Amino acid sequence: MEHIELVDRVYLRIKEMIFNQDLKPGQKLIQEKLADSLGISRSPLLKALQKLEGELLVEKVPRRGMYVKSITLKEIVDVFQCRAVIEGLSARLTASLITPEQVRELKNLFEVFKNVENIDALAYANADRLFHANIMKWSGNAVITRMEVLSNNQLKAFQAGLLRPPQETLAEHFAIVEALQTGNGALAEQLMRGHIEQSLAAFQDRLTETK
């Protein structure tokens, strides 16, 4: 049991290092050096790296070793396209299962930002992630929950934060909550897909501007 707990701690620590870009995309993971810096043996490190490989955050290159996975712009677009479909489905499923308490929880995430002129981007981004994660979790579909972990990992590793200003998306979040509250699964799916597709369009516009 202690060994399993150690593996989980190491896994979470390395994931944090990837998200913070202390370990950068494409960087080779020198296992002896990484184990020494974490004060552990190679056995729990290897198991932690295997978990991270399953989440597409590290990759094993034959005869070369283990690397932090580099994420291409095409892969980010692919993630958004999949999210639009999967999260749309999760919203439709959640609409038939959501409780009044869960509706209040979703509303409370964004109530604090209403009528605020200068919204804190980090606080809003955290609320946004929890909003989407909860709806996927409450869908009752275990496969959707697994996909949520993978897609969020990709976006975090790429440092894809807010793509549109809160003033633009706040009303969209409340509209999705209202559709969920009324049990209108078709509308909830439509609104969620549109919400994510607009973020994808903003991401693609940003790429065009930087070329």
Protein backbone atom coordinates (compact mmCIF):
# COMPACT_ATOMS: atom_id res chain seq x y z
CA MET A 1 0.00 0.00 0.00
CA GLU A 2 2.81 2.42 0.86
CA HIS A 3 4.44 1.68 -2.50
CA ILE A 4 1.17 2.43 -4.34
CA GLU A 5 0.78 5.72 -2.47
CA LEU A 6 4.37 6.65 -3.35
CA VAL A 7 3.74 5.93 -7.04
CA ASP A 8 0.66 8.18 -6.96
CA ARG A 9 2.60 11.00 -5.31
CA VAL A 10 5.42 10.72 -7.86
CA TYR A 11 2.89 10.59 -10.72
CA LEU A 12 1.15 13.76 -9.50
CA ARG A 13 4.45 15.55 -8.94
CA ILE A 14 5.78 14.79 -12.44
CA LYS A 15 2.44 15.76 -13.98
CA GLU A 16 2.65 19.07 -12.14
CA MET A 17 6.19 19.57 -13.46
CA ILE A 18 4.94 18.99 -17.01
CA PHE A 19 2.00 21.38 -16.61
CA ASN A 20 4.31 24.03 -15.10
CA GLN A 21 6.79 23.33 -17.91
CA ASP A 22 9.57 22.55 -15.45
CA LEU A 23 9.74 19.53 -17.74
CA LYS A 24 9.32 20.86 -21.26
CA PRO A 25 7.75 19.24 -24.35
CA GLY A 26 10.31 17.10 -26.14
CA GLN A 27 12.63 16.94 -23.14
CA LYS A 28 14.27 13.59 -22.50
CA LEU A 29 13.59 12.19 -19.04
CA ILE A 30 16.88 11.02 -17.55
CA GLN A 31 15.40 8.53 -15.11
CA GLU A 32 18.37 8.31 -12.77
CA LYS A 33 18.55 12.09 -12.47
CA LEU A 34 14.77 12.45 -12.05
CA ALA A 35 14.67 9.73 -9.40
CA ASP A 36 17.49 11.39 -7.48
CA SER A 37 15.81 14.81 -7.62
CA LEU A 38 12.59 13.31 -6.24
CA GLY A 39 14.41 11.26 -3.61
CA ILE A 40 13.03 7.93 -4.78
CA SER A 41 14.17 4.69 -6.38
CA ARG A 42 13.60 3.90 -10.04
CA SER A 43 10.84 1.36 -9.38
CA PRO A 44 8.08 3.84 -8.34
CA LEU A 45 9.36 6.28 -10.96
CA LEU A 46 8.90 3.74 -13.75
CA LYS A 47 5.35 2.97 -12.60
CA ALA A 48 4.54 6.69 -12.42
CA LEU A 49 5.91 7.22 -15.94
CA GLN A 50 3.79 4.35 -17.21
CA LYS A 51 0.67 6.09 -15.86
CA LEU A 52 1.72 9.33 -17.51
CA GLU A 53 2.33 7.50 -20.77
CA GLY A 54 -1.25 6.19 -20.57
CA GLU A 55 -2.42 9.81 -20.29
CA LEU A 56 -0.37 10.83 -23.34
CA LEU A 57 1.87 13.16 -21.34
CA VAL A 58 5.09 11.20 -21.87
CA GLU A 59 6.10 8.85 -24.65
CA LYS A 60 8.60 6.05 -25.00
CA VAL A 61 10.82 6.30 -28.07
CA PRO A 62 12.35 2.93 -29.02
CA ARG A 63 16.09 2.72 -28.31
CA ARG A 64 16.13 6.36 -27.19
CA GLY A 65 14.24 6.48 -23.90
CA MET A 66 11.30 8.34 -22.36
CA TYR A 67 10.38 11.90 -23.37
CA VAL A 68 7.84 14.53 -22.40
CA LYS A 69 5.35 14.35 -25.24
CA SER A 70 5.46 17.20 -27.72
CA ILE A 71 1.98 18.31 -28.69
CA THR A 72 1.46 19.62 -32.19
CA LEU A 73 -0.99 22.35 -33.15
CA LYS A 74 -2.87 19.76 -35.23
CA GLU A 75 -3.30 17.61 -32.11
CA ILE A 76 -4.73 20.58 -30.19
CA VAL A 77 -7.26 21.19 -32.98
CA ASP A 78 -8.10 17.47 -32.87
CA VAL A 79 -8.67 17.71 -29.11
CA PHE A 80 -11.08 20.62 -29.51
CA GLN A 81 -13.00 18.83 -32.27
CA CYS A 82 -13.40 15.73 -30.10
CA ARG A 83 -14.34 17.81 -27.07
CA ALA A 84 -17.14 19.52 -28.98
CA VAL A 85 -18.75 16.17 -29.73
CA ILE A 86 -18.02 14.47 -26.41
CA GLU A 87 -18.98 17.41 -24.20
CA GLY A 88 -22.10 17.98 -26.26
CA LEU A 89 -23.09 14.39 -25.56
CA SER A 90 -22.22 14.75 -21.88
CA ALA A 91 -24.45 17.84 -21.61
CA ARG A 92 -27.35 15.95 -23.21
CA LEU A 93 -26.91 13.02 -20.82
CA THR A 94 -26.46 15.25 -17.78
CA ALA A 95 -29.67 17.15 -18.56
CA SER A 96 -31.69 14.05 -17.64
CA LEU A 97 -29.71 13.32 -14.47
CA ILE A 98 -28.73 16.66 -12.94
CA THR A 99 -30.00 17.50 -9.44
CA PRO A 100 -31.05 20.92 -8.10
CA GLU A 101 -27.93 20.92 -5.91
CA GLN A 102 -25.71 20.32 -8.94
CA VAL A 103 -27.45 23.12 -10.85
CA ARG A 104 -26.71 25.48 -7.96
CA GLU A 105 -23.11 24.31 -7.91
CA LEU A 106 -22.69 25.17 -11.60
CA LYS A 107 -24.36 28.56 -11.18
CA ASN A 108 -22.23 29.41 -8.15
CA LEU A 109 -19.07 28.89 -10.19
CA PHE A 110 -19.90 31.97 -12.27
CA GLU A 111 -22.17 34.08 -10.07
CA VAL A 112 -19.08 35.75 -8.58
CA PHE A 113 -18.12 37.08 -12.02
CA LYS A 114 -21.43 38.75 -12.85
CA ASN A 115 -21.24 42.54 -13.16
CA VAL A 116 -17.46 42.44 -12.58
CA GLU A 117 -15.56 44.71 -14.93
CA ASN A 118 -12.07 43.23 -14.55
CA ILE A 119 -12.49 39.49 -14.14
CA ASP A 120 -9.49 37.57 -12.81
CA ALA A 121 -8.47 35.33 -15.72
CA LEU A 122 -6.96 32.56 -13.56
CA ALA A 123 -9.99 32.36 -11.28
CA TYR A 124 -12.30 32.28 -14.29
CA ALA A 125 -10.21 29.59 -16.00
CA ASN A 126 -10.40 27.42 -12.87
CA ALA A 127 -14.18 27.87 -12.74
CA ASP A 128 -14.41 27.01 -16.43
CA ARG A 129 -12.43 23.78 -16.02
CA LEU A 130 -14.55 22.70 -13.07
CA PHE A 131 -17.75 23.54 -14.97
CA HIS A 132 -16.83 21.30 -17.88
CA ALA A 133 -15.38 18.54 -15.70
CA ASN A 134 -18.53 18.38 -13.55
CA ILE A 135 -20.88 18.14 -16.49
CA MET A 136 -18.83 15.31 -17.96
CA LYS A 137 -18.63 13.54 -14.60
CA TRP A 138 -22.37 13.89 -13.98
CA SER A 139 -23.20 12.41 -17.38
CA GLY A 140 -22.96 8.97 -15.81
CA ASN A 141 -20.76 7.75 -18.68
CA ALA A 142 -17.43 6.38 -17.44
CA VAL A 143 -15.82 6.53 -20.90
CA ILE A 144 -16.62 10.25 -21.18
CA THR A 145 -14.96 10.85 -17.80
CA ARG A 146 -11.80 9.10 -19.02
CA MET A 147 -11.76 11.20 -22.19
CA GLU A 148 -12.12 14.36 -20.11
CA VAL A 149 -8.89 13.52 -18.28
CA LEU A 150 -6.99 12.92 -21.51
CA SER A 151 -8.21 16.05 -23.31
CA ASN A 152 -7.62 18.32 -20.32
CA ASN A 153 -4.10 16.95 -19.94
CA GLN A 154 -3.34 17.83 -23.55
CA LEU A 155 -4.62 21.40 -23.19
CA LYS A 156 -2.86 21.98 -19.87
CA ALA A 157 0.44 20.65 -21.19
CA PHE A 158 0.12 22.96 -24.20
CA GLN A 159 -0.63 25.87 -21.85
CA ALA A 160 -3.91 26.54 -23.65
CA GLY A 161 -5.66 28.84 -21.22
CA LEU A 162 -8.61 31.12 -21.88
CA LEU A 163 -9.08 31.52 -25.62
CA ARG A 164 -11.94 34.00 -25.36
CA PRO A 165 -12.56 36.77 -22.81
CA PRO A 166 -14.86 35.96 -19.86
CA GLN A 167 -17.24 38.72 -20.93
CA GLU A 168 -17.87 36.70 -24.09
CA THR A 169 -18.33 33.26 -22.53
CA LEU A 170 -20.07 34.08 -19.24
CA ALA A 171 -23.52 34.25 -20.83
CA GLU A 172 -22.82 31.00 -22.69
CA HIS A 173 -22.14 29.19 -19.42
CA PHE A 174 -25.38 30.42 -17.87
CA ALA A 175 -27.33 29.44 -21.00
CA ILE A 176 -25.96 25.90 -20.77
CA VAL A 177 -26.90 25.72 -17.08
CA GLU A 178 -30.45 26.88 -17.87
CA ALA A 179 -30.82 24.16 -20.52
CA LEU A 180 -29.57 21.57 -18.04
CA GLN A 181 -31.90 22.88 -15.32
CA THR A 182 -34.95 22.54 -17.59
CA GLY A 183 -33.91 19.07 -18.72
CA ASN A 184 -33.60 20.16 -22.36
CA GLY A 185 -30.89 17.75 -23.45
CA ALA A 186 -31.01 18.66 -27.14
CA LEU A 187 -30.52 22.35 -26.40
CA ALA A 188 -27.82 21.66 -23.81
CA GLU A 189 -25.92 19.62 -26.40
CA GLN A 190 -26.31 22.32 -29.05
CA LEU A 191 -25.14 25.09 -26.72
CA MET A 192 -22.18 23.11 -25.43
CA ARG A 193 -20.99 22.19 -28.90
CA GLY A 194 -21.29 25.78 -30.04
CA HIS A 195 -19.45 26.99 -26.96
CA ILE A 196 -16.45 24.74 -27.67
CA GLU A 197 -16.50 25.24 -31.43
CA GLN A 198 -16.26 29.00 -30.92
CA SER A 199 -13.22 28.48 -28.70
CA LEU A 200 -11.68 26.32 -31.43
CA ALA A 201 -12.33 29.10 -33.94
CA ALA A 202 -10.63 31.58 -31.59
CA PHE A 203 -7.65 29.23 -31.29
CA GLN A 204 -7.38 28.91 -35.06
CA ASP A 205 -7.65 32.71 -35.45
CA ARG A 206 -4.80 33.09 -32.97
CA LEU A 207 -2.66 30.69 -35.02
CA THR A 208 -3.37 32.69 -38.17
CA GLU A 209 -2.38 35.93 -36.48
CA THR A 210 0.98 34.52 -35.34
CA LYS A 211 1.95 33.28 -38.79
